[in-house]
Amino acid sequence: MESYYAGVESRSHSFILERRMKDEGIVCEITYMPRQIMTDLCNLGVKFKDEYLNQAIDIIRHSGLPGCKLYREIVRPEGNYYYDVHI
């Protein structure tokens, strides 16, 4: 199972990004970021499924929110793995 997390610089940016994604038809949710990937930003982000990746990247690029980062999560029986996605 694959999901993506969009990390932002502040909690208010999480709510702004989530609203913009939902307005464009992306099924997403505000969530706490996994500790393995969130070290330098706020601990809230927006989580969405891989089927919305291309659309979400466009929204993030045009959002005007500084410092957005995107992470890919792969869930396996032996653990969760996270990868940085360059946008």
PDB file of N, CA and C in Angstrom:
ATOM      1  N   MET A   1       0.835  -1.176   0.000  1.00  0.00           N
ATOM      2  CA  MET A   1       0.000   0.000   0.000  1.00  0.00           C
ATOM      3  C   MET A   1       0.882   1.242   0.000  1.00  0.00           C
ATOM      4  N   GLU A   2       0.569   2.191  -0.852  1.00  0.00           N
ATOM      5  CA  GLU A   2       1.349   3.415  -0.952  1.00  0.00           C
ATOM      6  C   GLU A   2       0.492   4.632  -0.661  1.00  0.00           C
ATOM      7  N   SER A   3       1.058   5.542   0.082  1.00  0.00           N
ATOM      8  CA  SER A   3       0.435   6.827   0.365  1.00  0.00           C
ATOM      9  C   SER A   3       1.506   7.894   0.235  1.00  0.00           C
ATOM     10  N   TYR A   4       1.072   9.128   0.178  1.00  0.00           N
ATOM     11  CA  TYR A   4       1.989  10.258   0.114  1.00  0.00           C
ATOM     12  C   TYR A   4       1.639  11.249   1.203  1.00  0.00           C
ATOM     13  N   TYR A   5       2.662  11.902   1.732  1.00  0.00           N
ATOM     14  CA  TYR A   5       2.505  12.943   2.730  1.00  0.00           C
ATOM     15  C   TYR A   5       3.083  14.233   2.172  1.00  0.00           C
ATOM     16  N   ALA A   6       2.329  15.303   2.280  1.00  0.00           N
ATOM     17  CA  ALA A   6       2.841  16.628   1.945  1.00  0.00           C
ATOM     18  C   ALA A   6       3.123  17.338   3.260  1.00  0.00           C
ATOM     19  N   GLY A   7       4.384  17.650   3.499  1.00  0.00           N
ATOM     20  CA  GLY A   7       4.784  18.351   4.711  1.00  0.00           C
ATOM     21  C   GLY A   7       4.923  19.834   4.431  1.00  0.00           C
ATOM     22  N   VAL A   8       4.492  20.648   5.371  1.00  0.00           N
ATOM     23  CA  VAL A   8       4.535  22.098   5.202  1.00  0.00           C
ATOM     24  C   VAL A   8       5.207  22.742   6.413  1.00  0.00           C
ATOM     25  N   GLU A   9       5.436  24.043   6.341  1.00  0.00           N
ATOM     26  CA  GLU A   9       6.180  24.740   7.393  1.00  0.00           C
ATOM     27  C   GLU A   9       5.359  25.082   8.624  1.00  0.00           C
ATOM     28  N   SER A  10       4.047  25.213   8.481  1.00  0.00           N
ATOM     29  CA  SER A  10       3.233  25.595   9.639  1.00  0.00           C
ATOM     30  C   SER A  10       1.897  24.865   9.610  1.00  0.00           C
ATOM     31  N   ARG A  11       1.254  24.834  10.756  1.00  0.00           N
ATOM     32  CA  ARG A  11      -0.040  24.159  10.861  1.00  0.00           C
ATOM     33  C   ARG A  11      -1.086  24.826   9.975  1.00  0.00           C
ATOM     34  N   SER A  12      -1.072  26.140   9.909  1.00  0.00           N
ATOM     35  CA  SER A  12      -2.058  26.832   9.078  1.00  0.00           C
ATOM     36  C   SER A  12      -1.879  26.481   7.604  1.00  0.00           C
ATOM     37  N   HIS A  13      -0.636  26.249   7.171  1.00  0.00           N
ATOM     38  CA  HIS A  13      -0.391  25.838   5.794  1.00  0.00           C
ATOM     39  C   HIS A  13      -0.982  24.458   5.517  1.00  0.00           C
ATOM     40  N   SER A  14      -1.014  23.592   6.529  1.00  0.00           N
ATOM     41  CA  SER A  14      -1.630  22.268   6.363  1.00  0.00           C
ATOM     42  C   SER A  14      -3.100  22.406   6.012  1.00  0.00           C
ATOM     43  N   PHE A  15      -3.786  23.288   6.725  1.00  0.00           N
ATOM     44  CA  PHE A  15      -5.211  23.484   6.475  1.00  0.00           C
ATOM     45  C   PHE A  15      -5.463  24.136   5.112  1.00  0.00           C
ATOM     46  N   ILE A  16      -4.600  25.063   4.731  1.00  0.00           N
ATOM     47  CA  ILE A  16      -4.729  25.710   3.423  1.00  0.00           C
ATOM     48  C   ILE A  16      -4.529  24.687   2.310  1.00  0.00           C
ATOM     49  N   LEU A  17      -3.473  23.874   2.414  1.00  0.00           N
ATOM     50  CA  LEU A  17      -3.177  22.886   1.384  1.00  0.00           C
ATOM     51  C   LEU A  17      -4.279  21.831   1.301  1.00  0.00           C
ATOM     52  N   GLU A  18      -4.765  21.379   2.441  1.00  0.00           N
ATOM     53  CA  GLU A  18      -5.839  20.390   2.427  1.00  0.00           C
ATOM     54  C   GLU A  18      -7.075  20.948   1.721  1.00  0.00           C
ATOM     55  N   ARG A  19      -7.444  22.185   2.008  1.00  0.00           N
ATOM     56  CA  ARG A  19      -8.617  22.795   1.386  1.00  0.00           C
ATOM     57  C   ARG A  19      -8.437  22.910  -0.122  1.00  0.00           C
ATOM     58  N   ARG A  20      -7.260  23.323  -0.562  1.00  0.00           N
ATOM     59  CA  ARG A  20      -7.005  23.447  -2.004  1.00  0.00           C
ATOM     60  C   ARG A  20      -7.079  22.096  -2.711  1.00  0.00           C
ATOM     61  N   MET A  21      -6.545  21.061  -2.043  1.00  0.00           N
ATOM     62  CA  MET A  21      -6.593  19.722  -2.635  1.00  0.00           C
ATOM     63  C   MET A  21      -8.033  19.215  -2.703  1.00  0.00           C
ATOM     64  N   LYS A  22      -8.780  19.401  -1.647  1.00  0.00           N
ATOM     65  CA  LYS A  22     -10.177  18.951  -1.650  1.00  0.00           C
ATOM     66  C   LYS A  22     -11.001  19.714  -2.676  1.00  0.00           C
ATOM     67  N   ASP A  23     -10.716  21.001  -2.839  1.00  0.00           N
ATOM     68  CA  ASP A  23     -11.423  21.796  -3.855  1.00  0.00           C
ATOM     69  C   ASP A  23     -11.177  21.272  -5.262  1.00  0.00           C
ATOM     70  N   GLU A  24     -10.022  20.614  -5.472  1.00  0.00           N
ATOM     71  CA  GLU A  24      -9.677  20.047  -6.783  1.00  0.00           C
ATOM     72  C   GLU A  24     -10.068  18.574  -6.900  1.00  0.00           C
ATOM     73  N   GLY A  25     -10.764  18.041  -5.907  1.00  0.00           N
ATOM     74  CA  GLY A  25     -11.267  16.677  -5.991  1.00  0.00           C
ATOM     75  C   GLY A  25     -10.352  15.592  -5.453  1.00  0.00           C
ATOM     76  N   ILE A  26      -9.299  15.981  -4.775  1.00  0.00           N
ATOM     77  CA  ILE A  26      -8.379  15.001  -4.202  1.00  0.00           C
ATOM     78  C   ILE A  26      -8.911  14.560  -2.836  1.00  0.00           C
ATOM     79  N   VAL A  27      -9.015  13.265  -2.643  1.00  0.00           N
ATOM     80  CA  VAL A  27      -9.405  12.728  -1.339  1.00  0.00           C
ATOM     81  C   VAL A  27      -8.152  12.739  -0.473  1.00  0.00           C
ATOM     82  N   CYS A  28      -8.174  13.545   0.587  1.00  0.00           N
ATOM     83  CA  CYS A  28      -6.999  13.700   1.436  1.00  0.00           C
ATOM     84  C   CYS A  28      -7.448  13.993   2.857  1.00  0.00           C
ATOM     85  N   GLU A  29      -6.466  13.985   3.760  1.00  0.00           N
ATOM     86  CA  GLU A  29      -6.762  14.282   5.159  1.00  0.00           C
ATOM     87  C   GLU A  29      -5.558  14.913   5.830  1.00  0.00           C
ATOM     88  N   ILE A  30      -5.845  15.762   6.810  1.00  0.00           N
ATOM     89  CA  ILE A  30      -4.777  16.301   7.641  1.00  0.00           C
ATOM     90  C   ILE A  30      -4.403  15.220   8.640  1.00  0.00           C
ATOM     91  N   THR A  31      -3.112  15.018   8.797  1.00  0.00           N
ATOM     92  CA  THR A  31      -2.642  13.956   9.684  1.00  0.00           C
ATOM     93  C   THR A  31      -1.332  14.366  10.333  1.00  0.00           C
ATOM     94  N   TYR A  32      -1.024  13.708  11.432  1.00  0.00           N
ATOM     95  CA  TYR A  32       0.300  13.888  12.018  1.00  0.00           C
ATOM     96  C   TYR A  32       1.318  13.186  11.132  1.00  0.00           C
ATOM     97  N   MET A  33       2.445  13.822  10.944  1.00  0.00           N
ATOM     98  CA  MET A  33       3.491  13.267  10.099  1.00  0.00           C
ATOM     99  C   MET A  33       4.253  12.195  10.882  1.00  0.00           C
ATOM    100  N   PRO A  34       4.656  11.125  10.185  1.00  0.00           N
ATOM    101  CA  PRO A  34       5.476  10.105  10.847  1.00  0.00           C
ATOM    102  C   PRO A  34       6.784  10.711  11.354  1.00  0.00           C
ATOM    103  N   ARG A  35       7.201  10.267  12.495  1.00  0.00           N
ATOM    104  CA  ARG A  35       8.406  10.801  13.127  1.00  0.00           C
ATOM    105  C   ARG A  35       9.654  10.600  12.266  1.00  0.00           C
ATOM    106  N   GLN A  36       9.677   9.554  11.456  1.00  0.00           N
ATOM    107  CA  GLN A  36      10.851   9.261  10.623  1.00  0.00           C
ATOM    108  C   GLN A  36      11.098  10.337   9.564  1.00  0.00           C
ATOM    109  N   ILE A  37      10.063  11.044   9.142  1.00  0.00           N
ATOM    110  CA  ILE A  37      10.247  12.019   8.063  1.00  0.00           C
ATOM    111  C   ILE A  37      10.098  13.463   8.497  1.00  0.00           C
ATOM    112  N   MET A  38       9.461  13.711   9.611  1.00  0.00           N
ATOM    113  CA  MET A  38       9.209  15.087  10.007  1.00  0.00           C
ATOM    114  C   MET A  38      10.168  15.496  11.109  1.00  0.00           C
ATOM    115  N   THR A  39      11.229  16.155  10.706  1.00  0.00           N
ATOM    116  CA  THR A  39      12.205  16.601  11.685  1.00  0.00           C
ATOM    117  C   THR A  39      12.381  18.114  11.692  1.00  0.00           C
ATOM    118  N   ASP A  40      12.164  18.776  10.564  1.00  0.00           N
ATOM    119  CA  ASP A  40      12.447  20.201  10.496  1.00  0.00           C
ATOM    120  C   ASP A  40      11.224  21.075  10.235  1.00  0.00           C
ATOM    121  N   LEU A  41      10.069  20.481   9.988  1.00  0.00           N
ATOM    122  CA  LEU A  41       8.864  21.260   9.731  1.00  0.00           C
ATOM    123  C   LEU A  41       7.866  21.033  10.861  1.00  0.00           C
ATOM    124  N   CYS A  42       6.656  21.554  10.718  1.00  0.00           N
ATOM    125  CA  CYS A  42       5.636  21.299  11.745  1.00  0.00           C
ATOM    126  C   CYS A  42       5.228  19.828  11.678  1.00  0.00           C
ATOM    127  N   ASN A  43       4.513  19.359  12.668  1.00  0.00           N
ATOM    128  CA  ASN A  43       4.215  17.929  12.696  1.00  0.00           C
ATOM    129  C   ASN A  43       2.880  17.572  12.041  1.00  0.00           C
ATOM    130  N   LEU A  44       2.246  18.499  11.357  1.00  0.00           N
ATOM    131  CA  LEU A  44       1.021  18.207  10.614  1.00  0.00           C
ATOM    132  C   LEU A  44       1.308  18.249   9.122  1.00  0.00           C
ATOM    133  N   GLY A  45       0.597  17.430   8.390  1.00  0.00           N
ATOM    134  CA  GLY A  45       0.726  17.415   6.947  1.00  0.00           C
ATOM    135  C   GLY A  45      -0.556  16.914   6.327  1.00  0.00           C
ATOM    136  N   VAL A  46      -0.529  16.734   5.025  1.00  0.00           N
ATOM    137  CA  VAL A  46      -1.688  16.256   4.285  1.00  0.00           C
ATOM    138  C   VAL A  46      -1.329  14.915   3.657  1.00  0.00           C
ATOM    139  N   LYS A  47      -2.170  13.929   3.908  1.00  0.00           N
ATOM    140  CA  LYS A  47      -1.937  12.577   3.392  1.00  0.00           C
ATOM    141  C   LYS A  47      -2.941  12.289   2.278  1.00  0.00           C
ATOM    142  N   PHE A  48      -2.444  11.652   1.199  1.00  0.00           N
ATOM    143  CA  PHE A  48      -3.309  11.282   0.084  1.00  0.00           C
ATOM    144  C   PHE A  48      -2.790  10.024  -0.576  1.00  0.00           C
ATOM    145  N   LYS A  49      -3.623   9.393  -1.367  1.00  0.00           N
ATOM    146  CA  LYS A  49      -3.284   8.136  -2.048  1.00  0.00           C
ATOM    147  C   LYS A  49      -2.507   8.408  -3.334  1.00  0.00           C
ATOM    148  N   ASP A  50      -1.826   7.375  -3.815  1.00  0.00           N
ATOM    149  CA  ASP A  50      -0.971   7.517  -5.003  1.00  0.00           C
ATOM    150  C   ASP A  50      -1.741   7.837  -6.274  1.00  0.00           C
ATOM    151  N   GLU A  51      -3.023   7.548  -6.342  1.00  0.00           N
ATOM    152  CA  GLU A  51      -3.798   7.839  -7.549  1.00  0.00           C
ATOM    153  C   GLU A  51      -3.938   9.340  -7.805  1.00  0.00           C
ATOM    154  N   TYR A  52      -3.681  10.159  -6.773  1.00  0.00           N
ATOM    155  CA  TYR A  52      -3.798  11.615  -6.901  1.00  0.00           C
ATOM    156  C   TYR A  52      -2.445  12.307  -7.001  1.00  0.00           C
ATOM    157  N   LEU A  53      -1.379  11.549  -7.171  1.00  0.00           N
ATOM    158  CA  LEU A  53      -0.029  12.111  -7.105  1.00  0.00           C
ATOM    159  C   LEU A  53       0.201  13.255  -8.092  1.00  0.00           C
ATOM    160  N   ASN A  54      -0.056  13.041  -9.370  1.00  0.00           N
ATOM    161  CA  ASN A  54       0.234  14.077 -10.366  1.00  0.00           C
ATOM    162  C   ASN A  54      -0.581  15.344 -10.122  1.00  0.00           C
ATOM    163  N   GLN A  55      -1.827  15.181  -9.784  1.00  0.00           N
ATOM    164  CA  GLN A  55      -2.689  16.324  -9.502  1.00  0.00           C
ATOM    165  C   GLN A  55      -2.211  17.062  -8.251  1.00  0.00           C
ATOM    166  N   ALA A  56      -1.812  16.317  -7.226  1.00  0.00           N
ATOM    167  CA  ALA A  56      -1.329  16.930  -5.989  1.00  0.00           C
ATOM    168  C   ALA A  56      -0.026  17.694  -6.214  1.00  0.00           C
ATOM    169  N   ILE A  57       0.860  17.148  -7.019  1.00  0.00           N
ATOM    170  CA  ILE A  57       2.120  17.842  -7.318  1.00  0.00           C
ATOM    171  C   ILE A  57       1.838  19.181  -7.975  1.00  0.00           C
ATOM    172  N   ASP A  58       0.910  19.222  -8.918  1.00  0.00           N
ATOM    173  CA  ASP A  58       0.551  20.489  -9.570  1.00  0.00           C
ATOM    174  C   ASP A  58       0.024  21.502  -8.555  1.00  0.00           C
ATOM    175  N   ILE A  59      -0.822  21.041  -7.656  1.00  0.00           N
ATOM    176  CA  ILE A  59      -1.383  21.939  -6.640  1.00  0.00           C
ATOM    177  C   ILE A  59      -0.288  22.454  -5.718  1.00  0.00           C
ATOM    178  N   ILE A  60       0.608  21.579  -5.283  1.00  0.00           N
ATOM    179  CA  ILE A  60       1.695  21.982  -4.393  1.00  0.00           C
ATOM    180  C   ILE A  60       2.605  22.993  -5.090  1.00  0.00           C
ATOM    181  N   ARG A  61       2.930  22.750  -6.340  1.00  0.00           N
ATOM    182  CA  ARG A  61       3.801  23.666  -7.089  1.00  0.00           C
ATOM    183  C   ARG A  61       3.179  25.053  -7.222  1.00  0.00           C
ATOM    184  N   HIS A  62       1.867  25.102  -7.404  1.00  0.00           N
ATOM    185  CA  HIS A  62       1.193  26.376  -7.641  1.00  0.00           C
ATOM    186  C   HIS A  62       0.547  26.964  -6.391  1.00  0.00           C
ATOM    187  N   SER A  63       0.763  26.349  -5.251  1.00  0.00           N
ATOM    188  CA  SER A  63       0.100  26.798  -4.025  1.00  0.00           C
ATOM    189  C   SER A  63       0.707  28.076  -3.459  1.00  0.00           C
ATOM    190  N   GLY A  64       1.980  28.290  -3.724  1.00  0.00           N
ATOM    191  CA  GLY A  64       2.646  29.458  -3.161  1.00  0.00           C
ATOM    192  C   GLY A  64       3.042  29.284  -1.711  1.00  0.00           C
ATOM    193  N   LEU A  65       2.875  28.066  -1.174  1.00  0.00           N
ATOM    194  CA  LEU A  65       3.259  27.798   0.209  1.00  0.00           C
ATOM    195  C   LEU A  65       4.741  27.439   0.251  1.00  0.00           C
ATOM    196  N   PRO A  66       5.538  28.174   1.001  1.00  0.00           N
ATOM    197  CA  PRO A  66       6.979  27.919   1.019  1.00  0.00           C
ATOM    198  C   PRO A  66       7.331  26.634   1.760  1.00  0.00           C
ATOM    199  N   GLY A  67       8.371  25.980   1.299  1.00  0.00           N
ATOM    200  CA  GLY A  67       8.935  24.849   2.023  1.00  0.00           C
ATOM    201  C   GLY A  67       8.144  23.561   2.004  1.00  0.00           C
ATOM    202  N   CYS A  68       7.237  23.394   1.054  1.00  0.00           N
ATOM    203  CA  CYS A  68       6.485  22.135   0.992  1.00  0.00           C
ATOM    204  C   CYS A  68       7.410  20.997   0.589  1.00  0.00           C
ATOM    205  N   LYS A  69       7.258  19.869   1.250  1.00  0.00           N
ATOM    206  CA  LYS A  69       8.023  18.669   0.918  1.00  0.00           C
ATOM    207  C   LYS A  69       7.052  17.518   0.735  1.00  0.00           C
ATOM    208  N   LEU A  70       7.416  16.587  -0.132  1.00  0.00           N
ATOM    209  CA  LEU A  70       6.550  15.456  -0.429  1.00  0.00           C
ATOM    210  C   LEU A  70       7.293  14.171  -0.118  1.00  0.00           C
ATOM    211  N   TYR A  71       6.602  13.242   0.541  1.00  0.00           N
ATOM    212  CA  TYR A  71       7.190  11.974   0.939  1.00  0.00           C
ATOM    213  C   TYR A  71       6.293  10.825   0.506  1.00  0.00           C
ATOM    214  N   ARG A  72       6.903   9.748   0.074  1.00  0.00           N
ATOM    215  CA  ARG A  72       6.192   8.538  -0.316  1.00  0.00           C
ATOM    216  C   ARG A  72       6.316   7.526   0.814  1.00  0.00           C
ATOM    217  N   GLU A  73       5.198   6.923   1.180  1.00  0.00           N
ATOM    218  CA  GLU A  73       5.183   5.907   2.236  1.00  0.00           C
ATOM    219  C   GLU A  73       4.816   4.564   1.629  1.00  0.00           C
ATOM    220  N   ILE A  74       5.634   3.569   1.905  1.00  0.00           N
ATOM    221  CA  ILE A  74       5.349   2.197   1.486  1.00  0.00           C
ATOM    222  C   ILE A  74       5.200   1.366   2.750  1.00  0.00           C
ATOM    223  N   VAL A  75       4.036   0.738   2.885  1.00  0.00           N
ATOM    224  CA  VAL A  75       3.743  -0.066   4.069  1.00  0.00           C
ATOM    225  C   VAL A  75       3.988  -1.532   3.736  1.00  0.00           C
ATOM    226  N   ARG A  76       4.873  -2.146   4.461  1.00  0.00           N
ATOM    227  CA  ARG A  76       5.223  -3.566   4.302  1.00  0.00           C
ATOM    228  C   ARG A  76       5.025  -4.273   5.633  1.00  0.00           C
ATOM    229  N   PRO A  77       4.910  -5.578   5.629  1.00  0.00           N
ATOM    230  CA  PRO A  77       4.769  -6.301   6.900  1.00  0.00           C
ATOM    231  C   PRO A  77       5.937  -6.069   7.861  1.00  0.00           C
ATOM    232  N   GLU A  78       7.131  -5.866   7.322  1.00  0.00           N
ATOM    233  CA  GLU A  78       8.298  -5.671   8.182  1.00  0.00           C
ATOM    234  C   GLU A  78       8.483  -4.228   8.631  1.00  0.00           C
ATOM    235  N   GLY A  79       7.663  -3.310   8.135  1.00  0.00           N
ATOM    236  CA  GLY A  79       7.760  -1.915   8.558  1.00  0.00           C
ATOM    237  C   GLY A  79       7.355  -0.943   7.478  1.00  0.00           C
ATOM    238  N   ASN A  80       7.324   0.317   7.834  1.00  0.00           N
ATOM    239  CA  ASN A  80       7.004   1.378   6.885  1.00  0.00           C
ATOM    240  C   ASN A  80       8.286   2.010   6.377  1.00  0.00           C
ATOM    241  N   TYR A  81       8.304   2.333   5.093  1.00  0.00           N
ATOM    242  CA  TYR A  81       9.474   2.959   4.472  1.00  0.00           C
ATOM    243  C   TYR A  81       9.039   4.285   3.875  1.00  0.00           C
ATOM    244  N   TYR A  82       9.906   5.298   3.999  1.00  0.00           N
ATOM    245  CA  TYR A  82       9.601   6.645   3.528  1.00  0.00           C
ATOM    246  C   TYR A  82      10.693   7.122   2.588  1.00  0.00           C
ATOM    247  N   TYR A  83      10.252   7.756   1.498  1.00  0.00           N
ATOM    248  CA  TYR A  83      11.179   8.268   0.490  1.00  0.00           C
ATOM    249  C   TYR A  83      10.819   9.694   0.157  1.00  0.00           C
ATOM    250  N   ASP A  84      11.826  10.524   0.005  1.00  0.00           N
ATOM    251  CA  ASP A  84      11.654  11.909  -0.390  1.00  0.00           C
ATOM    252  C   ASP A  84      11.302  11.953  -1.874  1.00  0.00           C
ATOM    253  N   VAL A  85      10.296  12.707  -2.243  1.00  0.00           N
ATOM    254  CA  VAL A  85       9.895  12.870  -3.646  1.00  0.00           C
ATOM    255  C   VAL A  85      10.211  14.299  -4.044  1.00  0.00           C
ATOM    256  N   HIS A  86      11.014  14.470  -5.097  1.00  0.00           N
ATOM    257  CA  HIS A  86      11.371  15.812  -5.558  1.00  0.00           C
ATOM    258  C   HIS A  86      10.258  16.354  -6.437  1.00  0.00           C
ATOM    259  N   ILE A  87       9.786  17.556  -6.054  1.00  0.00           N
ATOM    260  CA  ILE A  87       8.696  18.174  -6.825  1.00  0.00           C
ATOM    261  C   ILE A  87       9.133  19.451  -7.476  1.00  0.00           C
TER     262      ILE A  87
END
